[in-house]
């Protein structure tokens, strides 16, 4: 039960990281 709870939390945090990365990607501009 504790392993499943940890796994669920990890999956939620990974999803949050992907959302954060997508947000940052949209903000990035390169000066060329």
ModelCIF file with pLDDT and N, C-alpha, C, O atoms, coordinates in Angstrom:
data_MODEL
#
_entry.id   MODEL 
#
_entity.id                         1 
_entity.type                       polymer 
_entity.pdbx_number_of_molecules   1 
#
_entity_poly.entity_id                      1 
_entity_poly.type                           'polypeptide(L)' 
_entity_poly.nstd_linkage                   no 
_entity_poly.nstd_monomer                   no 
_entity_poly.pdbx_seq_one_letter_code       
;(UNK)(UNK)(UNK)(UNK)(UNK)(UNK)(UNK)(UNK)(UNK)(UNK)(UNK)(UNK)(UNK)(UNK)(UNK)(UNK)
(UNK)(UNK)(UNK)(UNK)(UNK)(UNK)(UNK)(UNK)(UNK)(UNK)(UNK)(UNK)(UNK)(UNK)(UNK)(UNK)
;
_entity_poly.pdbx_seq_one_letter_code_can   XXXXXXXXXXXXXXXXXXXXXXXXXXXXXXXX 
_entity_poly.pdbx_strand_id                 A 
#
loop_
_entity_poly_seq.entity_id 
_entity_poly_seq.num 
_entity_poly_seq.mon_id 
_entity_poly_seq.hetero 
1 1  UNK n 
1 2  UNK n 
1 3  UNK n 
1 4  UNK n 
1 5  UNK n 
1 6  UNK n 
1 7  UNK n 
1 8  UNK n 
1 9  UNK n 
1 10 UNK n 
1 11 UNK n 
1 12 UNK n 
1 13 UNK n 
1 14 UNK n 
1 15 UNK n 
1 16 UNK n 
1 17 UNK n 
1 18 UNK n 
1 19 UNK n 
1 20 UNK n 
1 21 UNK n 
1 22 UNK n 
1 23 UNK n 
1 24 UNK n 
1 25 UNK n 
1 26 UNK n 
1 27 UNK n 
1 28 UNK n 
1 29 UNK n 
1 30 UNK n 
1 31 UNK n 
1 32 UNK n 
#
_struct_asym.id          A 
_struct_asym.entity_id   1 
#
loop_
_ma_qa_metric.id 
_ma_qa_metric.mode 
_ma_qa_metric.name 
_ma_qa_metric.software_group_id 
_ma_qa_metric.type 
1 global pLDDT . pLDDT 
2 local  pLDDT . pLDDT 
#
_ma_qa_metric_global.metric_id      1 
_ma_qa_metric_global.metric_value   86.97 
_ma_qa_metric_global.model_id       1 
_ma_qa_metric_global.ordinal_id     1 
#
loop_
_ma_qa_metric_local.label_asym_id 
_ma_qa_metric_local.label_comp_id 
_ma_qa_metric_local.label_seq_id 
_ma_qa_metric_local.metric_id 
_ma_qa_metric_local.metric_value 
_ma_qa_metric_local.model_id 
_ma_qa_metric_local.ordinal_id 
A UNK 1  2 97.00 1 1  
A UNK 2  2 97.00 1 2  
A UNK 3  2 97.00 1 3  
A UNK 4  2 97.00 1 4  
A UNK 5  2 98.00 1 5  
A UNK 6  2 97.00 1 6  
A UNK 7  2 97.00 1 7  
A UNK 8  2 98.00 1 8  
A UNK 9  2 97.00 1 9  
A UNK 10 2 97.00 1 10 
A UNK 11 2 97.00 1 11 
A UNK 12 2 97.00 1 12 
A UNK 13 2 97.00 1 13 
A UNK 14 2 97.00 1 14 
A UNK 15 2 96.00 1 15 
A UNK 16 2 94.00 1 16 
A UNK 17 2 95.00 1 17 
A UNK 18 2 94.00 1 18 
A UNK 19 2 92.00 1 19 
A UNK 20 2 89.00 1 20 
A UNK 21 2 89.00 1 21 
A UNK 22 2 85.00 1 22 
A UNK 23 2 82.00 1 23 
A UNK 24 2 78.00 1 24 
A UNK 25 2 75.00 1 25 
A UNK 26 2 73.00 1 26 
A UNK 27 2 73.00 1 27 
A UNK 28 2 68.00 1 28 
A UNK 29 2 58.00 1 29 
A UNK 30 2 58.00 1 30 
A UNK 31 2 62.00 1 31 
A UNK 32 2 62.00 1 32 
#
loop_
_atom_site.group_PDB 
_atom_site.id 
_atom_site.type_symbol 
_atom_site.label_atom_id 
_atom_site.label_alt_id 
_atom_site.label_comp_id 
_atom_site.label_asym_id 
_atom_site.label_entity_id 
_atom_site.label_seq_id 
_atom_site.pdbx_PDB_ins_code 
_atom_site.Cartn_x 
_atom_site.Cartn_y 
_atom_site.Cartn_z 
_atom_site.occupancy 
_atom_site.B_iso_or_equiv 
_atom_site.pdbx_formal_charge 
_atom_site.auth_seq_id 
_atom_site.auth_comp_id 
_atom_site.auth_asym_id 
_atom_site.auth_atom_id 
_atom_site.pdbx_PDB_model_num 
ATOM 1   N N  . UNK A 1 1  ? 0.825  -1.212 0.000   1.00 97.00 ? 1  UNK A N  1 
ATOM 2   C CA . UNK A 1 1  ? 0.000  0.000  0.000   1.00 97.00 ? 1  UNK A CA 1 
ATOM 3   C C  . UNK A 1 1  ? 0.858  1.261  0.000   1.00 97.00 ? 1  UNK A C  1 
ATOM 4   O O  . UNK A 1 1  ? 0.564  2.213  -0.723  1.00 97.00 ? 1  UNK A O  1 
ATOM 5   N N  . UNK A 1 2  ? 1.910  1.271  0.802   1.00 97.00 ? 2  UNK A N  1 
ATOM 6   C CA . UNK A 1 2  ? 2.801  2.433  0.864   1.00 97.00 ? 2  UNK A CA 1 
ATOM 7   C C  . UNK A 1 2  ? 3.560  2.597  -0.449  1.00 97.00 ? 2  UNK A C  1 
ATOM 8   O O  . UNK A 1 2  ? 3.788  3.717  -0.905  1.00 97.00 ? 2  UNK A O  1 
ATOM 9   N N  . UNK A 1 3  ? 3.950  1.476  -1.054  1.00 97.00 ? 3  UNK A N  1 
ATOM 10  C CA . UNK A 1 3  ? 4.647  1.534  -2.344  1.00 97.00 ? 3  UNK A CA 1 
ATOM 11  C C  . UNK A 1 3  ? 3.747  2.128  -3.420  1.00 97.00 ? 3  UNK A C  1 
ATOM 12  O O  . UNK A 1 3  ? 4.187  2.950  -4.224  1.00 97.00 ? 3  UNK A O  1 
ATOM 13  N N  . UNK A 1 4  ? 2.485  1.710  -3.430  1.00 97.00 ? 4  UNK A N  1 
ATOM 14  C CA . UNK A 1 4  ? 1.540  2.240  -4.417  1.00 97.00 ? 4  UNK A CA 1 
ATOM 15  C C  . UNK A 1 4  ? 1.329  3.729  -4.201  1.00 97.00 ? 4  UNK A C  1 
ATOM 16  O O  . UNK A 1 4  ? 1.273  4.493  -5.165  1.00 97.00 ? 4  UNK A O  1 
ATOM 17  N N  . UNK A 1 5  ? 1.210  4.153  -2.943  1.00 98.00 ? 5  UNK A N  1 
ATOM 18  C CA . UNK A 1 5  ? 1.037  5.576  -2.640  1.00 98.00 ? 5  UNK A CA 1 
ATOM 19  C C  . UNK A 1 5  ? 2.255  6.378  -3.107  1.00 98.00 ? 5  UNK A C  1 
ATOM 20  O O  . UNK A 1 5  ? 2.107  7.458  -3.679  1.00 98.00 ? 5  UNK A O  1 
ATOM 21  N N  . UNK A 1 6  ? 3.451  5.852  -2.863  1.00 97.00 ? 6  UNK A N  1 
ATOM 22  C CA . UNK A 1 6  ? 4.684  6.531  -3.311  1.00 97.00 ? 6  UNK A CA 1 
ATOM 23  C C  . UNK A 1 6  ? 4.720  6.604  -4.833  1.00 97.00 ? 6  UNK A C  1 
ATOM 24  O O  . UNK A 1 6  ? 5.081  7.633  -5.405  1.00 97.00 ? 6  UNK A O  1 
ATOM 25  N N  . UNK A 1 7  ? 4.343  5.506  -5.483  1.00 97.00 ? 7  UNK A N  1 
ATOM 26  C CA . UNK A 1 7  ? 4.335  5.475  -6.942  1.00 97.00 ? 7  UNK A CA 1 
ATOM 27  C C  . UNK A 1 7  ? 3.366  6.510  -7.495  1.00 97.00 ? 7  UNK A C  1 
ATOM 28  O O  . UNK A 1 7  ? 3.691  7.221  -8.445  1.00 97.00 ? 7  UNK A O  1 
ATOM 29  N N  . UNK A 1 8  ? 2.182  6.598  -6.907  1.00 98.00 ? 8  UNK A N  1 
ATOM 30  C CA . UNK A 1 8  ? 1.189  7.588  -7.353  1.00 98.00 ? 8  UNK A CA 1 
ATOM 31  C C  . UNK A 1 8  ? 1.708  9.009  -7.180  1.00 98.00 ? 8  UNK A C  1 
ATOM 32  O O  . UNK A 1 8  ? 1.525  9.854  -8.057  1.00 98.00 ? 8  UNK A O  1 
ATOM 33  N N  . UNK A 1 9  ? 2.355  9.270  -6.048  1.00 97.00 ? 9  UNK A N  1 
ATOM 34  C CA . UNK A 1 9  ? 2.929  10.593 -5.810  1.00 97.00 ? 9  UNK A CA 1 
ATOM 35  C C  . UNK A 1 9  ? 4.015  10.885 -6.839  1.00 97.00 ? 9  UNK A C  1 
ATOM 36  O O  . UNK A 1 9  ? 4.073  11.986 -7.386  1.00 97.00 ? 9  UNK A O  1 
ATOM 37  N N  . UNK A 1 10 ? 4.866  9.913  -7.100  1.00 97.00 ? 10 UNK A N  1 
ATOM 38  C CA . UNK A 1 10 ? 5.920  10.088 -8.099  1.00 97.00 ? 10 UNK A CA 1 
ATOM 39  C C  . UNK A 1 10 ? 5.351  10.392 -9.472  1.00 97.00 ? 10 UNK A C  1 
ATOM 40  O O  . UNK A 1 10 ? 5.851  11.269 -10.176 1.00 97.00 ? 10 UNK A O  1 
ATOM 41  N N  . UNK A 1 11 ? 4.307  9.670  -9.855  1.00 97.00 ? 11 UNK A N  1 
ATOM 42  C CA . UNK A 1 11 ? 3.680  9.907  -11.158 1.00 97.00 ? 11 UNK A CA 1 
ATOM 43  C C  . UNK A 1 11 ? 3.097  11.314 -11.227 1.00 97.00 ? 11 UNK A C  1 
ATOM 44  O O  . UNK A 1 11 ? 3.202  11.982 -12.255 1.00 97.00 ? 11 UNK A O  1 
ATOM 45  N N  . UNK A 1 12 ? 2.488  11.761 -10.141 1.00 97.00 ? 12 UNK A N  1 
ATOM 46  C CA . UNK A 1 12 ? 1.927  13.117 -10.092 1.00 97.00 ? 12 UNK A CA 1 
ATOM 47  C C  . UNK A 1 12 ? 3.039  14.166 -10.221 1.00 97.00 ? 12 UNK A C  1 
ATOM 48  O O  . UNK A 1 12 ? 2.882  15.156 -10.935 1.00 97.00 ? 12 UNK A O  1 
ATOM 49  N N  . UNK A 1 13 ? 4.147  13.946 -9.538  1.00 97.00 ? 13 UNK A N  1 
ATOM 50  C CA . UNK A 1 13 ? 5.265  14.896 -9.594  1.00 97.00 ? 13 UNK A CA 1 
ATOM 51  C C  . UNK A 1 13 ? 5.907  14.926 -10.979 1.00 97.00 ? 13 UNK A C  1 
ATOM 52  O O  . UNK A 1 13 ? 6.310  15.987 -11.457 1.00 97.00 ? 13 UNK A O  1 
ATOM 53  N N  . UNK A 1 14 ? 6.001  13.763 -11.620 1.00 97.00 ? 14 UNK A N  1 
ATOM 54  C CA . UNK A 1 14 ? 6.553  13.712 -12.977 1.00 97.00 ? 14 UNK A CA 1 
ATOM 55  C C  . UNK A 1 14 ? 5.656  14.488 -13.930 1.00 97.00 ? 14 UNK A C  1 
ATOM 56  O O  . UNK A 1 14 ? 6.141  15.229 -14.785 1.00 97.00 ? 14 UNK A O  1 
ATOM 57  N N  . UNK A 1 15 ? 4.356  14.316 -13.783 1.00 96.00 ? 15 UNK A N  1 
ATOM 58  C CA . UNK A 1 15 ? 3.407  15.050 -14.625 1.00 96.00 ? 15 UNK A CA 1 
ATOM 59  C C  . UNK A 1 15 ? 3.571  16.556 -14.410 1.00 96.00 ? 15 UNK A C  1 
ATOM 60  O O  . UNK A 1 15 ? 3.510  17.333 -15.363 1.00 96.00 ? 15 UNK A O  1 
ATOM 61  N N  . UNK A 1 16 ? 3.777  16.964 -13.158 1.00 94.00 ? 16 UNK A N  1 
ATOM 62  C CA . UNK A 1 16 ? 4.001  18.375 -12.841 1.00 94.00 ? 16 UNK A CA 1 
ATOM 63  C C  . UNK A 1 16 ? 5.280  18.879 -13.510 1.00 94.00 ? 16 UNK A C  1 
ATOM 64  O O  . UNK A 1 16 ? 5.301  19.986 -14.049 1.00 94.00 ? 16 UNK A O  1 
ATOM 65  N N  . UNK A 1 17 ? 6.334  18.081 -13.478 1.00 95.00 ? 17 UNK A N  1 
ATOM 66  C CA . UNK A 1 17 ? 7.596  18.476 -14.111 1.00 95.00 ? 17 UNK A CA 1 
ATOM 67  C C  . UNK A 1 17 ? 7.428  18.656 -15.616 1.00 95.00 ? 17 UNK A C  1 
ATOM 68  O O  . UNK A 1 17 ? 7.940  19.618 -16.188 1.00 95.00 ? 17 UNK A O  1 
ATOM 69  N N  . UNK A 1 18 ? 6.716  17.740 -16.255 1.00 94.00 ? 18 UNK A N  1 
ATOM 70  C CA . UNK A 1 18 ? 6.474  17.879 -17.692 1.00 94.00 ? 18 UNK A CA 1 
ATOM 71  C C  . UNK A 1 18 ? 5.695  19.156 -17.993 1.00 94.00 ? 18 UNK A C  1 
ATOM 72  O O  . UNK A 1 18 ? 5.994  19.851 -18.965 1.00 94.00 ? 18 UNK A O  1 
ATOM 73  N N  . UNK A 1 19 ? 4.703  19.466 -17.169 1.00 92.00 ? 19 UNK A N  1 
ATOM 74  C CA . UNK A 1 19 ? 3.928  20.693 -17.367 1.00 92.00 ? 19 UNK A CA 1 
ATOM 75  C C  . UNK A 1 19 ? 4.817  21.918 -17.184 1.00 92.00 ? 19 UNK A C  1 
ATOM 76  O O  . UNK A 1 19 ? 4.720  22.882 -17.944 1.00 92.00 ? 19 UNK A O  1 
ATOM 77  N N  . UNK A 1 20 ? 5.686  21.878 -16.169 1.00 89.00 ? 20 UNK A N  1 
ATOM 78  C CA . UNK A 1 20 ? 6.610  22.989 -15.930 1.00 89.00 ? 20 UNK A CA 1 
ATOM 79  C C  . UNK A 1 20 ? 7.558  23.173 -17.112 1.00 89.00 ? 20 UNK A C  1 
ATOM 80  O O  . UNK A 1 20 ? 7.809  24.297 -17.545 1.00 89.00 ? 20 UNK A O  1 
ATOM 81  N N  . UNK A 1 21 ? 8.082  22.061 -17.630 1.00 89.00 ? 21 UNK A N  1 
ATOM 82  C CA . UNK A 1 21 ? 8.986  22.140 -18.772 1.00 89.00 ? 21 UNK A CA 1 
ATOM 83  C C  . UNK A 1 21 ? 8.288  22.702 -20.000 1.00 89.00 ? 21 UNK A C  1 
ATOM 84  O O  . UNK A 1 21 ? 8.866  23.498 -20.740 1.00 89.00 ? 21 UNK A O  1 
ATOM 85  N N  . UNK A 1 22 ? 7.062  22.295 -20.212 1.00 85.00 ? 22 UNK A N  1 
ATOM 86  C CA . UNK A 1 22 ? 6.306  22.799 -21.362 1.00 85.00 ? 22 UNK A CA 1 
ATOM 87  C C  . UNK A 1 22 ? 6.079  24.305 -21.226 1.00 85.00 ? 22 UNK A C  1 
ATOM 88  O O  . UNK A 1 22 ? 6.165  25.047 -22.204 1.00 85.00 ? 22 UNK A O  1 
ATOM 89  N N  . UNK A 1 23 ? 5.787  24.745 -20.002 1.00 82.00 ? 23 UNK A N  1 
ATOM 90  C CA . UNK A 1 23 ? 5.590  26.166 -19.749 1.00 82.00 ? 23 UNK A CA 1 
ATOM 91  C C  . UNK A 1 23 ? 6.869  26.960 -20.028 1.00 82.00 ? 23 UNK A C  1 
ATOM 92  O O  . UNK A 1 23 ? 6.830  28.021 -20.651 1.00 82.00 ? 23 UNK A O  1 
ATOM 93  N N  . UNK A 1 24 ? 7.985  26.436 -19.564 1.00 78.00 ? 24 UNK A N  1 
ATOM 94  C CA . UNK A 1 24 ? 9.269  27.112 -19.780 1.00 78.00 ? 24 UNK A CA 1 
ATOM 95  C C  . UNK A 1 24 ? 9.610  27.115 -21.265 1.00 78.00 ? 24 UNK A C  1 
ATOM 96  O O  . UNK A 1 24 ? 10.103 28.112 -21.792 1.00 78.00 ? 24 UNK A O  1 
ATOM 97  N N  . UNK A 1 25 ? 9.350  26.006 -21.933 1.00 75.00 ? 25 UNK A N  1 
ATOM 98  C CA . UNK A 1 25 ? 9.648  25.918 -23.370 1.00 75.00 ? 25 UNK A CA 1 
ATOM 99  C C  . UNK A 1 25 ? 8.926  27.012 -24.138 1.00 75.00 ? 25 UNK A C  1 
ATOM 100 O O  . UNK A 1 25 ? 9.483  27.585 -25.075 1.00 75.00 ? 25 UNK A O  1 
ATOM 101 N N  . UNK A 1 26 ? 7.696  27.305 -23.752 1.00 73.00 ? 26 UNK A N  1 
ATOM 102 C CA . UNK A 1 26 ? 6.922  28.335 -24.424 1.00 73.00 ? 26 UNK A CA 1 
ATOM 103 C C  . UNK A 1 26 ? 7.512  29.721 -24.184 1.00 73.00 ? 26 UNK A C  1 
ATOM 104 O O  . UNK A 1 26 ? 7.315  30.621 -25.001 1.00 73.00 ? 26 UNK A O  1 
ATOM 105 N N  . UNK A 1 27 ? 8.227  29.910 -23.087 1.00 73.00 ? 27 UNK A N  1 
ATOM 106 C CA . UNK A 1 27 ? 8.786  31.218 -22.739 1.00 73.00 ? 27 UNK A CA 1 
ATOM 107 C C  . UNK A 1 27 ? 10.155 31.470 -23.384 1.00 73.00 ? 27 UNK A C  1 
ATOM 108 O O  . UNK A 1 27 ? 10.584 32.614 -23.533 1.00 73.00 ? 27 UNK A O  1 
ATOM 109 N N  . UNK A 1 28 ? 10.820 30.392 -23.759 1.00 68.00 ? 28 UNK A N  1 
ATOM 110 C CA . UNK A 1 28 ? 12.201 30.532 -24.234 1.00 68.00 ? 28 UNK A CA 1 
ATOM 111 C C  . UNK A 1 28 ? 12.248 31.137 -25.636 1.00 68.00 ? 28 UNK A C  1 
ATOM 112 O O  . UNK A 1 28 ? 11.543 30.703 -26.547 1.00 68.00 ? 28 UNK A O  1 
ATOM 113 N N  . UNK A 1 29 ? 13.079 32.124 -25.775 1.00 58.00 ? 29 UNK A N  1 
ATOM 114 C CA . UNK A 1 29 ? 13.370 32.689 -27.091 1.00 58.00 ? 29 UNK A CA 1 
ATOM 115 C C  . UNK A 1 29 ? 14.882 32.720 -27.242 1.00 58.00 ? 29 UNK A C  1 
ATOM 116 O O  . UNK A 1 29 ? 15.615 32.929 -26.274 1.00 58.00 ? 29 UNK A O  1 
ATOM 117 N N  . UNK A 1 30 ? 15.327 32.515 -28.444 1.00 58.00 ? 30 UNK A N  1 
ATOM 118 C CA . UNK A 1 30 ? 16.758 32.552 -28.726 1.00 58.00 ? 30 UNK A CA 1 
ATOM 119 C C  . UNK A 1 30 ? 17.083 33.824 -29.496 1.00 58.00 ? 30 UNK A C  1 
ATOM 120 O O  . UNK A 1 30 ? 16.340 34.231 -30.389 1.00 58.00 ? 30 UNK A O  1 
ATOM 121 N N  . UNK A 1 31 ? 18.179 34.434 -29.146 1.00 62.00 ? 31 UNK A N  1 
ATOM 122 C CA . UNK A 1 31 ? 18.666 35.584 -29.909 1.00 62.00 ? 31 UNK A CA 1 
ATOM 123 C C  . UNK A 1 31 ? 19.734 35.054 -30.854 1.00 62.00 ? 31 UNK A C  1 
ATOM 124 O O  . UNK A 1 31 ? 20.735 34.473 -30.433 1.00 62.00 ? 31 UNK A O  1 
ATOM 125 N N  . UNK A 1 32 ? 19.499 35.265 -32.116 1.00 62.00 ? 32 UNK A N  1 
ATOM 126 C CA . UNK A 1 32 ? 20.370 34.729 -33.141 1.00 62.00 ? 32 UNK A CA 1 
ATOM 127 C C  . UNK A 1 32 ? 21.014 35.887 -33.890 1.00 62.00 ? 32 UNK A C  1 
ATOM 128 O O  . UNK A 1 32 ? 21.799 35.665 -34.812 1.00 62.00 ? 32 UNK A O  1 
#
